[in-house]
Amino acid sequence: MAKLVFGLQQSLDGYVDHMELGPPGPALAHHFAEHVRALAGSVYGRRTYQIMRYWDEDQPDWDAEGRAFAAVWRRLPKWVVSRSLKSVGPNATLVEGDLEVAIGELKAQHVGEIDVAGPDLARSLTELGLIDEYRLYFRPIVLGRGAPFFAGPRPPLRLVASDPIGEDAIRLTYVPA
């Protein structure tokens, strides 16, 4: 059975706005590429999926790390939860119907980790008790606004690990308490 993991980089004050945070440094970018390489798949909310579609087509300004991440991301199976999208891109499946049933089936059919991408989707999956682990990647930036990591009430959590990544990030790993 797969483990459902929600993890995003965020500011010290808990916001996950990718535009304001800017790109991760080399060590964190490498970490994310290796993380995605090891995944069984990713579940996206509509907005996050549309942001990530950036990786579907090569960009002339990418460095080697960007090209490597794009290659890994393109191969990754993706499931997109949306009521408004009618179709999704390559290697992606639109999730329709009962969210709890659909995600429960994904967890039962796969082995390894399935990433959850998007705070609103994570809120829904948290309320359903489906997220097995939360990974908060903090960078030394204060935004003061944006989308919060926890889009709803923070669930009771227990810290199980803290890992520095590179020179400017730390990952805190929590499980439901």
C-alpha atoms as a PDB file:
ATOM      1  CA  MET A   1       0.000   0.000   0.000  1.00  0.00           C
ATOM      2  CA  ALA A   2       1.291   3.450  -0.908  1.00  0.00           C
ATOM      3  CA  LYS A   3       1.915   6.206   1.592  1.00  0.00           C
ATOM      4  CA  LEU A   4       0.335   9.602   0.828  1.00  0.00           C
ATOM      5  CA  VAL A   5       2.771  12.463   1.574  1.00  0.00           C
ATOM      6  CA  PHE A   6       2.092  16.205   1.486  1.00  0.00           C
ATOM      7  CA  GLY A   7       5.217  18.329   1.274  1.00  0.00           C
ATOM      8  CA  LEU A   8       6.009  21.784  -0.078  1.00  0.00           C
ATOM      9  CA  GLN A   9       8.679  24.410   0.363  1.00  0.00           C
ATOM     10  CA  GLN A  10       7.462  27.374   2.334  1.00  0.00           C
ATOM     11  CA  SER A  11       8.418  30.609   3.992  1.00  0.00           C
ATOM     12  CA  LEU A  12       9.188  30.839   7.703  1.00  0.00           C
ATOM     13  CA  ASP A  13       5.696  32.240   8.232  1.00  0.00           C
ATOM     14  CA  GLY A  14       4.057  29.241   6.538  1.00  0.00           C
ATOM     15  CA  TYR A  15       3.235  30.418   3.009  1.00  0.00           C
ATOM     16  CA  VAL A  16       3.788  28.306  -0.108  1.00  0.00           C
ATOM     17  CA  ASP A  17       3.632  30.942  -2.861  1.00  0.00           C
ATOM     18  CA  HIS A  18       6.077  29.544  -5.426  1.00  0.00           C
ATOM     19  CA  MET A  19       6.466  32.876  -7.243  1.00  0.00           C
ATOM     20  CA  GLU A  20       7.379  34.804  -4.104  1.00  0.00           C
ATOM     21  CA  LEU A  21       9.651  32.076  -2.724  1.00  0.00           C
ATOM     22  CA  GLY A  22      11.586  31.898  -5.950  1.00  0.00           C
ATOM     23  CA  PRO A  23      13.438  28.841  -7.178  1.00  0.00           C
ATOM     24  CA  PRO A  24      15.090  26.561  -4.644  1.00  0.00           C
ATOM     25  CA  GLY A  25      18.867  26.649  -4.321  1.00  0.00           C
ATOM     26  CA  PRO A  26      20.989  23.935  -5.956  1.00  0.00           C
ATOM     27  CA  ALA A  27      20.923  21.503  -3.007  1.00  0.00           C
ATOM     28  CA  LEU A  28      17.152  21.762  -2.527  1.00  0.00           C
ATOM     29  CA  ALA A  29      16.522  21.529  -6.290  1.00  0.00           C
ATOM     30  CA  HIS A  30      18.631  18.362  -6.404  1.00  0.00           C
ATOM     31  CA  HIS A  31      16.764  16.994  -3.371  1.00  0.00           C
ATOM     32  CA  PHE A  32      13.379  17.593  -5.046  1.00  0.00           C
ATOM     33  CA  ALA A  33      14.549  15.938  -8.285  1.00  0.00           C
ATOM     34  CA  GLU A  34      15.697  12.846  -6.374  1.00  0.00           C
ATOM     35  CA  HIS A  35      12.476  12.848  -4.360  1.00  0.00           C
ATOM     36  CA  VAL A  36      10.324  12.945  -7.505  1.00  0.00           C
ATOM     37  CA  ARG A  37      12.469  10.216  -9.099  1.00  0.00           C
ATOM     38  CA  ALA A  38      11.587   7.859  -6.217  1.00  0.00           C
ATOM     39  CA  LEU A  39       7.818   8.536  -6.186  1.00  0.00           C
ATOM     40  CA  ALA A  40       5.104   6.108  -7.260  1.00  0.00           C
ATOM     41  CA  GLY A  41       3.162   9.155  -8.494  1.00  0.00           C
ATOM     42  CA  SER A  42       1.693  12.534  -7.579  1.00  0.00           C
ATOM     43  CA  VAL A  43      -1.837  13.717  -6.872  1.00  0.00           C
ATOM     44  CA  TYR A  44      -2.453  17.321  -7.890  1.00  0.00           C
ATOM     45  CA  GLY A  45      -5.132  19.870  -7.308  1.00  0.00           C
ATOM     46  CA  ARG A  46      -6.026  21.860 -10.424  1.00  0.00           C
ATOM     47  CA  ARG A  47      -4.072  25.033  -9.641  1.00  0.00           C
ATOM     48  CA  THR A  48      -0.859  23.246  -8.661  1.00  0.00           C
ATOM     49  CA  TYR A  49      -1.112  20.941 -11.657  1.00  0.00           C
ATOM     50  CA  GLN A  50      -1.445  23.916 -13.988  1.00  0.00           C
ATOM     51  CA  ILE A  51       1.660  25.487 -12.414  1.00  0.00           C
ATOM     52  CA  MET A  52       3.610  22.238 -12.768  1.00  0.00           C
ATOM     53  CA  ARG A  53       2.682  21.911 -16.458  1.00  0.00           C
ATOM     54  CA  TYR A  54       5.572  24.342 -16.912  1.00  0.00           C
ATOM     55  CA  TRP A  55       7.811  21.227 -16.896  1.00  0.00           C
ATOM     56  CA  ASP A  56       6.001  19.640 -19.870  1.00  0.00           C
ATOM     57  CA  GLU A  57       7.954  21.619 -22.461  1.00  0.00           C
ATOM     58  CA  ASP A  58      11.677  22.381 -22.505  1.00  0.00           C
ATOM     59  CA  GLN A  59      12.668  25.965 -21.777  1.00  0.00           C
ATOM     60  CA  PRO A  60      15.827  27.503 -23.285  1.00  0.00           C
ATOM     61  CA  ASP A  61      16.975  29.001 -19.975  1.00  0.00           C
ATOM     62  CA  TRP A  62      17.012  25.718 -18.011  1.00  0.00           C
ATOM     63  CA  ASP A  63      20.264  24.508 -16.566  1.00  0.00           C
ATOM     64  CA  ALA A  64      21.177  20.818 -16.271  1.00  0.00           C
ATOM     65  CA  GLU A  65      19.264  20.484 -12.990  1.00  0.00           C
ATOM     66  CA  GLY A  66      16.114  21.967 -14.554  1.00  0.00           C
ATOM     67  CA  ARG A  67      16.322  19.605 -17.515  1.00  0.00           C
ATOM     68  CA  ALA A  68      16.882  16.638 -15.186  1.00  0.00           C
ATOM     69  CA  PHE A  69      13.864  17.591 -13.050  1.00  0.00           C
ATOM     70  CA  ALA A  70      11.671  17.992 -16.130  1.00  0.00           C
ATOM     71  CA  ALA A  71      12.638  14.536 -17.411  1.00  0.00           C
ATOM     72  CA  VAL A  72      11.810  12.927 -14.066  1.00  0.00           C
ATOM     73  CA  TRP A  73       8.546  14.864 -13.710  1.00  0.00           C
ATOM     74  CA  ARG A  74       7.377  13.935 -17.199  1.00  0.00           C
ATOM     75  CA  ARG A  75       7.812  10.202 -16.477  1.00  0.00           C
ATOM     76  CA  LEU A  76       5.938  10.410 -13.165  1.00  0.00           C
ATOM     77  CA  PRO A  77       2.323   9.159 -13.131  1.00  0.00           C
ATOM     78  CA  LYS A  78       0.043  12.048 -12.175  1.00  0.00           C
ATOM     79  CA  TRP A  79      -3.555  12.112 -10.971  1.00  0.00           C
ATOM     80  CA  VAL A  80      -5.359  15.449 -11.127  1.00  0.00           C
ATOM     81  CA  VAL A  81      -8.327  16.222  -8.883  1.00  0.00           C
ATOM     82  CA  SER A  82     -10.522  18.833 -10.541  1.00  0.00           C
ATOM     83  CA  ARG A  83     -14.182  19.546 -11.162  1.00  0.00           C
ATOM     84  CA  SER A  84     -13.426  22.141 -13.846  1.00  0.00           C
ATOM     85  CA  LEU A  85     -10.783  20.488 -16.055  1.00  0.00           C
ATOM     86  CA  LYS A  86     -12.090  18.290 -18.849  1.00  0.00           C
ATOM     87  CA  SER A  87      -8.702  16.859 -19.853  1.00  0.00           C
ATOM     88  CA  VAL A  88      -5.136  16.679 -18.561  1.00  0.00           C
ATOM     89  CA  GLY A  89      -1.723  16.423 -20.177  1.00  0.00           C
ATOM     90  CA  PRO A  90       0.707  13.581 -20.805  1.00  0.00           C
ATOM     91  CA  ASN A  91       1.055  10.822 -18.218  1.00  0.00           C
ATOM     92  CA  ALA A  92      -1.836  12.290 -16.194  1.00  0.00           C
ATOM     93  CA  THR A  93      -5.280  10.994 -15.277  1.00  0.00           C
ATOM     94  CA  LEU A  94      -8.262  13.090 -14.259  1.00  0.00           C
ATOM     95  CA  VAL A  95      -9.690  11.968 -10.903  1.00  0.00           C
ATOM     96  CA  GLU A  96     -13.459  12.084 -10.910  1.00  0.00           C
ATOM     97  CA  GLY A  97     -16.120  10.934  -8.506  1.00  0.00           C
ATOM     98  CA  ASP A  98     -15.782  10.386  -4.782  1.00  0.00           C
ATOM     99  CA  LEU A  99     -12.379  11.731  -3.646  1.00  0.00           C
ATOM    100  CA  GLU A 100     -12.090   9.410  -0.651  1.00  0.00           C
ATOM    101  CA  VAL A 101     -12.788   6.319  -2.747  1.00  0.00           C
ATOM    102  CA  ALA A 102     -10.541   7.394  -5.640  1.00  0.00           C
ATOM    103  CA  ILE A 103      -7.531   8.217  -3.442  1.00  0.00           C
ATOM    104  CA  GLY A 104      -8.112   5.144  -1.280  1.00  0.00           C
ATOM    105  CA  GLU A 105      -7.952   3.023  -4.451  1.00  0.00           C
ATOM    106  CA  LEU A 106      -4.732   4.754  -5.563  1.00  0.00           C
ATOM    107  CA  LYS A 107      -3.131   4.011  -2.209  1.00  0.00           C
ATOM    108  CA  ALA A 108      -4.258   0.372  -2.373  1.00  0.00           C
ATOM    109  CA  GLN A 109      -3.066  -0.150  -5.971  1.00  0.00           C
ATOM    110  CA  HIS A 110       0.448   1.310  -5.603  1.00  0.00           C
ATOM    111  CA  VAL A 111       3.553   0.762  -3.523  1.00  0.00           C
ATOM    112  CA  GLY A 112       5.867   3.544  -2.339  1.00  0.00           C
ATOM    113  CA  GLU A 113       5.100   7.206  -1.872  1.00  0.00           C
ATOM    114  CA  ILE A 114       2.470   9.251  -3.648  1.00  0.00           C
ATOM    115  CA  ASP A 115       2.981  12.993  -3.349  1.00  0.00           C
ATOM    116  CA  VAL A 116       0.095  15.357  -2.667  1.00  0.00           C
ATOM    117  CA  ALA A 117       0.590  18.697  -4.392  1.00  0.00           C
ATOM    118  CA  GLY A 118      -1.543  21.672  -3.441  1.00  0.00           C
ATOM    119  CA  PRO A 119      -2.685  22.997  -0.075  1.00  0.00           C
ATOM    120  CA  ASP A 120      -6.409  22.971  -0.903  1.00  0.00           C
ATOM    121  CA  LEU A 121      -6.277  19.351  -2.034  1.00  0.00           C
ATOM    122  CA  ALA A 122      -4.192  18.507   1.047  1.00  0.00           C
ATOM    123  CA  ARG A 123      -6.865  20.107   3.253  1.00  0.00           C
ATOM    124  CA  SER A 124      -9.533  17.859   1.742  1.00  0.00           C
ATOM    125  CA  LEU A 125      -7.352  14.761   2.062  1.00  0.00           C
ATOM    126  CA  THR A 126      -6.428  15.686   5.648  1.00  0.00           C
ATOM    127  CA  GLU A 127     -10.108  16.000   6.539  1.00  0.00           C
ATOM    128  CA  LEU A 128     -10.634  12.502   5.095  1.00  0.00           C
ATOM    129  CA  GLY A 129      -7.714  11.129   7.142  1.00  0.00           C
ATOM    130  CA  LEU A 130      -5.818  10.018   4.029  1.00  0.00           C
ATOM    131  CA  ILE A 131      -2.478  11.832   4.409  1.00  0.00           C
ATOM    132  CA  ASP A 132       0.141   9.653   6.068  1.00  0.00           C
ATOM    133  CA  GLU A 133       2.981  12.182   6.333  1.00  0.00           C
ATOM    134  CA  TYR A 134       3.572  15.941   6.123  1.00  0.00           C
ATOM    135  CA  ARG A 135       6.919  17.374   5.007  1.00  0.00           C
ATOM    136  CA  LEU A 136       7.453  21.065   5.618  1.00  0.00           C
ATOM    137  CA  TYR A 137      10.480  22.503   3.795  1.00  0.00           C
ATOM    138  CA  PHE A 138      11.357  25.841   5.401  1.00  0.00           C
ATOM    139  CA  ARG A 139      13.525  28.472   3.730  1.00  0.00           C
ATOM    140  CA  PRO A 140      14.728  31.679   5.441  1.00  0.00           C
ATOM    141  CA  ILE A 141      12.163  33.921   3.783  1.00  0.00           C
ATOM    142  CA  VAL A 142       9.209  35.768   5.332  1.00  0.00           C
ATOM    143  CA  LEU A 143       6.373  36.545   2.911  1.00  0.00           C
ATOM    144  CA  GLY A 144       3.576  37.859   5.129  1.00  0.00           C
ATOM    145  CA  ARG A 145       0.953  36.695   2.626  1.00  0.00           C
ATOM    146  CA  GLY A 146       0.049  33.992   0.145  1.00  0.00           C
ATOM    147  CA  ALA A 147      -1.422  30.515   0.291  1.00  0.00           C
ATOM    148  CA  PRO A 148      -0.721  28.827   3.634  1.00  0.00           C
ATOM    149  CA  PHE A 149       0.694  25.294   3.796  1.00  0.00           C
ATOM    150  CA  PHE A 150      -2.270  24.281   5.965  1.00  0.00           C
ATOM    151  CA  ALA A 151      -5.324  25.544   4.072  1.00  0.00           C
ATOM    152  CA  GLY A 152      -7.574  24.435   6.939  1.00  0.00           C
ATOM    153  CA  PRO A 153      -7.096  23.787  10.639  1.00  0.00           C
ATOM    154  CA  ARG A 154      -3.741  22.177  11.371  1.00  0.00           C
ATOM    155  CA  PRO A 155      -4.278  18.531  12.232  1.00  0.00           C
ATOM    156  CA  PRO A 156      -2.701  17.087  15.392  1.00  0.00           C
ATOM    157  CA  LEU A 157       0.823  16.108  14.343  1.00  0.00           C
ATOM    158  CA  ARG A 158       3.871  14.394  15.815  1.00  0.00           C
ATOM    159  CA  LEU A 159       7.386  15.358  14.676  1.00  0.00           C
ATOM    160  CA  VAL A 160       9.363  12.334  13.464  1.00  0.00           C
ATOM    161  CA  ALA A 161      12.384  13.909  11.733  1.00  0.00           C
ATOM    162  CA  SER A 162      14.239  17.120  10.987  1.00  0.00           C
ATOM    163  CA  ASP A 163      16.776  17.226   8.178  1.00  0.00           C
ATOM    164  CA  PRO A 164      18.868  20.148   6.918  1.00  0.00           C
ATOM    165  CA  ILE A 165      19.012  20.326   3.122  1.00  0.00           C
ATOM    166  CA  GLY A 166      21.817  22.390   1.698  1.00  0.00           C
ATOM    167  CA  GLU A 167      22.744  25.638   3.377  1.00  0.00           C
ATOM    168  CA  ASP A 168      19.347  27.331   3.558  1.00  0.00           C
ATOM    169  CA  ALA A 169      16.562  24.782   4.026  1.00  0.00           C
ATOM    170  CA  ILE A 170      15.315  22.359   6.632  1.00  0.00           C
ATOM    171  CA  ARG A 171      12.713  19.645   6.224  1.00  0.00           C
ATOM    172  CA  LEU A 172      10.454  18.850   9.179  1.00  0.00           C
ATOM    173  CA  THR A 173       8.586  15.566   8.861  1.00  0.00           C
ATOM    174  CA  TYR A 174       5.374  14.958  10.780  1.00  0.00           C
ATOM    175  CA  VAL A 175       2.834  12.138  10.986  1.00  0.00           C
ATOM    176  CA  PRO A 176      -0.738  12.413  12.227  1.00  0.00           C
ATOM    177  CA  ALA A 177      -0.771  12.178  16.037  1.00  0.00           C
END
